[in-house]
Amino acid sequence: MANVIVQGVFSLDPNERDQFVEASVGAMRSSREEDGCLEYVMAADPLDPERVILSERWESMDQLNEHLAGQKDRARGDRPAPRSVEITLFEVAAARPLV
C-alpha cells in the first residue's frame, strides 16, 4: 500500500496570511489525531508574505479519503479566503531516509 503526500500552496493577501495560519491550527490538531495521518502542517512561507504551504502525509489513500469526506462539512470559521489554492496529491511507492 502506497503512502500519500499532499502538497499545497495557498496565496493570500499578506495582511491576512498570519490570521489564515492561526485559524488553521485547530484543523491541524484534529487532522493529526485521525487514523493514518503522519503529518499535517500549514506554515507561512518565510520568503513570500503571500504564501502558506500545506504539507500532509497519510498512510493510505483510504485514510486520506476518510479525512477529505469529513472536511466537506467542517466550518472554516474566521479564516480568510485565499486568493488561489493549488494542491497536488502524490502516491508514493517507495521511500528511504535521505540523512
Protein backbone atom coordinates (compact mmCIF):
# COMPACT_ATOMS: atom_id res chain seq x y z
CA MET A 1 0.00 0.00 0.00
CA ALA A 2 1.42 3.40 -1.00
CA ASN A 3 1.83 6.32 1.34
CA VAL A 4 0.19 9.52 0.18
CA ILE A 5 1.70 13.01 0.20
CA VAL A 6 -0.41 16.12 -0.27
CA GLN A 7 1.43 19.36 -1.03
CA GLY A 8 -0.32 22.67 -1.47
CA VAL A 9 0.11 26.40 -1.77
CA PHE A 10 -2.41 29.00 -0.64
CA SER A 11 -2.00 32.55 -1.92
CA LEU A 12 -3.34 35.26 0.41
CA ASP A 13 -3.28 38.96 1.00
CA PRO A 14 -0.07 39.48 3.04
CA ASN A 15 -2.12 41.19 5.75
CA GLU A 16 -4.27 38.06 6.15
CA ARG A 17 -1.64 35.33 5.91
CA ASP A 18 -0.86 35.01 9.63
CA GLN A 19 -4.56 35.04 10.50
CA PHE A 20 -5.10 32.23 7.96
CA VAL A 21 -2.38 30.10 9.57
CA GLU A 22 -3.62 30.82 13.11
CA ALA A 23 -7.22 29.98 12.12
CA SER A 24 -5.93 26.66 10.71
CA VAL A 25 -4.32 25.44 13.95
CA GLY A 26 -7.46 23.66 15.20
CA ALA A 27 -7.84 21.80 11.91
CA MET A 28 -4.16 20.80 12.03
CA ARG A 29 -4.59 19.41 15.55
CA SER A 30 -7.72 17.43 14.72
CA SER A 31 -6.28 16.12 11.45
CA ARG A 32 -3.15 14.87 13.22
CA GLU A 33 -5.37 12.83 15.56
CA GLU A 34 -7.03 10.99 12.66
CA ASP A 35 -6.07 7.40 11.87
CA GLY A 36 -3.38 7.29 9.23
CA CYS A 37 -2.24 10.92 9.49
CA LEU A 38 1.55 11.03 9.65
CA GLU A 39 1.91 14.79 9.14
CA TYR A 40 -0.38 17.77 8.69
CA VAL A 41 1.13 21.26 8.61
CA MET A 42 0.13 24.66 7.28
CA ALA A 43 3.02 27.10 7.55
CA ALA A 44 3.76 30.63 6.44
CA ASP A 45 6.44 30.77 3.74
CA PRO A 46 9.29 32.75 5.35
CA LEU A 47 10.38 34.21 1.99
CA ASP A 48 6.99 35.11 0.48
CA PRO A 49 4.47 37.06 2.59
CA GLU A 50 1.58 35.92 0.38
CA ARG A 51 2.14 32.15 0.63
CA VAL A 52 1.05 29.42 3.03
CA ILE A 53 2.40 25.92 2.43
CA LEU A 54 0.34 22.80 3.14
CA SER A 55 2.17 19.52 3.78
CA GLU A 56 0.34 16.30 4.59
CA ARG A 57 1.42 12.64 4.75
CA TRP A 58 -1.04 9.78 5.08
CA GLU A 59 -0.54 6.04 5.49
CA SER A 60 -3.02 5.27 2.71
CA MET A 61 -5.37 6.75 0.14
CA ASP A 62 -8.34 5.26 2.01
CA GLN A 63 -7.39 7.18 5.16
CA LEU A 64 -6.92 10.40 3.21
CA ASN A 65 -10.33 9.89 1.58
CA GLU A 66 -11.90 9.49 5.04
CA HIS A 67 -10.24 12.73 6.11
CA LEU A 68 -11.44 14.55 2.99
CA ALA A 69 -15.00 13.31 3.46
CA GLY A 70 -15.01 14.84 6.94
CA GLN A 71 -13.66 18.15 5.63
CA LYS A 72 -16.69 18.82 3.43
CA ASP A 73 -18.90 19.68 6.41
CA ARG A 74 -16.28 21.36 8.60
CA ALA A 75 -16.81 25.08 9.21
CA ARG A 76 -13.93 27.35 8.22
CA GLY A 77 -14.64 29.89 10.97
CA ASP A 78 -12.98 33.27 10.60
CA ARG A 79 -10.20 32.03 8.33
CA PRO A 80 -9.58 34.48 5.46
CA ALA A 81 -10.36 33.23 1.97
CA PRO A 82 -7.26 32.56 -0.13
CA ARG A 83 -6.81 34.28 -3.48
CA SER A 84 -5.87 30.95 -5.01
CA VAL A 85 -5.25 27.36 -3.96
CA GLU A 86 -3.05 24.76 -5.65
CA ILE A 87 -2.98 21.27 -4.10
CA THR A 88 -1.26 18.20 -5.55
CA LEU A 89 -1.55 14.58 -4.44
CA PHE A 90 1.37 12.16 -4.72
CA GLU A 91 1.09 8.39 -4.22
CA VAL A 92 4.49 7.12 -3.08
CA ALA A 93 5.52 3.56 -3.90
CA ALA A 94 8.81 3.68 -2.00
CA ALA A 95 10.65 5.95 0.41
CA ARG A 96 14.00 5.94 2.15
CA PRO A 97 15.75 8.24 4.62
CA LEU A 98 17.86 10.94 2.97
CA VAL A 99 20.08 11.52 6.00
